[in-house]
Amino acid sequence: YKGPQGVPGVQQYYAEYGRGNNPYFVAYEWLYGHKKTDLYGYGRLSYKLGEHVNVALRSQITTWNQLRTEKVPFSAITYKTPDLRQGDYREDRRNLLENNTDLLLTYNQQLGKNFALSAVLGGNVRLFNYNSSWATTDFLIVPGVYNFSNSKNPTQSYDFGADMTVLSAYATTDLSFKNYANLGLTGRFDKNSTLPAANRTFFYPSVSLSTVLNEYVPLPEAISFVKLRGSYANVGGANTQYGIGSAYQAVTGNSVASLIGYGTEVTTSYDGPNYANQNTYTITKPYNNQPAAGYTSTLANPNLKPSRSSSYEFGLDAKFFGNRLGVDVTRFSTSNGRQIFSLPVASSSGYNSQLANAVTTLKRGWEVAVTGAVLANPRGLSWDILANWSTYKETLKDIDGVEQSIYLAGPNHVFNIGDRLDGYYSYNYLRSPDGQIINSSTGTPLVRPSGTNTLQFLGNTNPDWVWGVTNRFSYQNFNFSFQFDGRVGGVIRDQVYAYALNSGNATDLVQGSLGAARLQEWQSTSLGTKAPTPAY
């Protein structure tokens, strides 16, 4: 990276005629640091109150702290300010502490000859604390000195903190009748500090029932086992998120790339609260490095309720020929909603949107698994096969009981009730009725206009179905297995091909009429009489 024009520690020898960073320079001078410490603890005390009753107290703690650093050397090319290449130093600190404590009372008893009862009554306290900071210099004074006191201009820093308390009470009951049937019931109350005071407490139940038919119904000898099962579960959710980025993103809602001009957010596990339903403001320095307050554009909703998800599942598990062949079929349906969703409001309110309990999606599908013991020899060669197949579709079921369509920013499309939600929409060329690309008068292919709901539907991202086959062989103490699986239908984005097109390396760009046009354009330049030479 030193090269004929390079100065160690100050000036790199640029690649691509000064347009790009030298690869060696990026690898050995532009350095990223990552340090993380994890600590886990668990304790349990139990006491037997009687023959059938037991009480237990258990507690677990999870804590971690993480530090990520970036050392941007002098002469590094970034999109922050391409003409000012004076280096930078950045730190991203994140700390999380979570404690879960349960008090459990369990009861187990055989009720006569035919029934067995198992029950649990418990309570849980979840305490959650998270804080983070993100800071960067604004160019360096002295090359190679990476600390905030070496910042040429005032540093920029952002801090984010979140606390959450969840109080829970729950109960489970399992009642079985001989080997014939089993009934399971659960119920749980949660009180979550992330919701408005009036709606912080919510209840969600579940029920499951299964029965083994061959225990009480005469079946043909070829049928070894038949089990029917069904279940229902309702789950409530608070205003939380599963992952979190830097403090800059948590405070402003924007990626650090929007500030420094490059890079991507690093997301860490979180499962904590957000402030989407708070009338918050952030402090930034948008004008001549002077602080200013920016208020949220989302209006808080004091009547916000927990999100809901209800699932039904029905299944059949059957085995044949002495358990040599098995079939497991499941039908499932999940109504996810109403979810916590941002809906537009009149701009006269001073806001752009408000969180509301809106948008319900419906997900339905099938799962089928077939097992077979082709060879069953405990002292010799055994061969088992497992084949599985599944499919599902998710559609928009309801919005708020009134609206029939809604705009989703991700696909940049307006969805109507009943539409599938995995549609892939993107730009496409204008084509003639027979499929030919339409070019402008200068020969440039014309692209369809951009904007809301103008992107063209290119297919669904979820496959029509997925499958897999696993073969497992065993001989005495030796085991060998291999698997095939696949997706049928659906579309995916070919990012490698997209980059190849963007960089001019795709073979499509040197073939046919497009390749001929590129060659003609190159031959019209002063280099047209010279053969291209590779650059390293």
Foldseek 3Di string as FASTA:
>chain_A
DCPPPRDPLAADDDPPVLPARDPVCCVPPWDKDKDKDKDKDKDKDKDAPDPFKIKMKIKMKIKMKMKMKTWQFAHHAFPQPRVGRQIKIKIKIKIKIKMKMKIKMWGWDADPDWKIKIKIKMKMKMKIKMKIKMKMAQGADDGPDYDNVRHPDHIDMFMDMAIKMKIKIKMKMWMGTHQFKIKIKMKMWIQIPQAFPVARIDMWMKIKMKGKCVVPPDDDQFWDTKMKMKMKTKDWAGQWDQKDWGRVCLQPVDFCCVNRVDDGTDIDGDRGHHCLQPFDWDWDQPPPRDIDIGTAQEYHDNPAHTWMKMKMKIKMWTAGDVNQKIKIKMKMKMWGFLHFDWDADDCVVVHGTYTHGWWIKMKIKMKMKMKGWPDDDQQFKTKIKIKMKMAMFMFTATTHPPDQWDADPPQLEIHGGPDTPQWHFAKDFDADPVGHFDADPVGHTHIFDDHRHRTDTDAGAAARMKMKMKMWMDHNPDIDIDMDIDGHHHDDDDVVVVVCVVVVNDPVCCDDPNNVVVLVVCLVDPCNVPDDDDDD
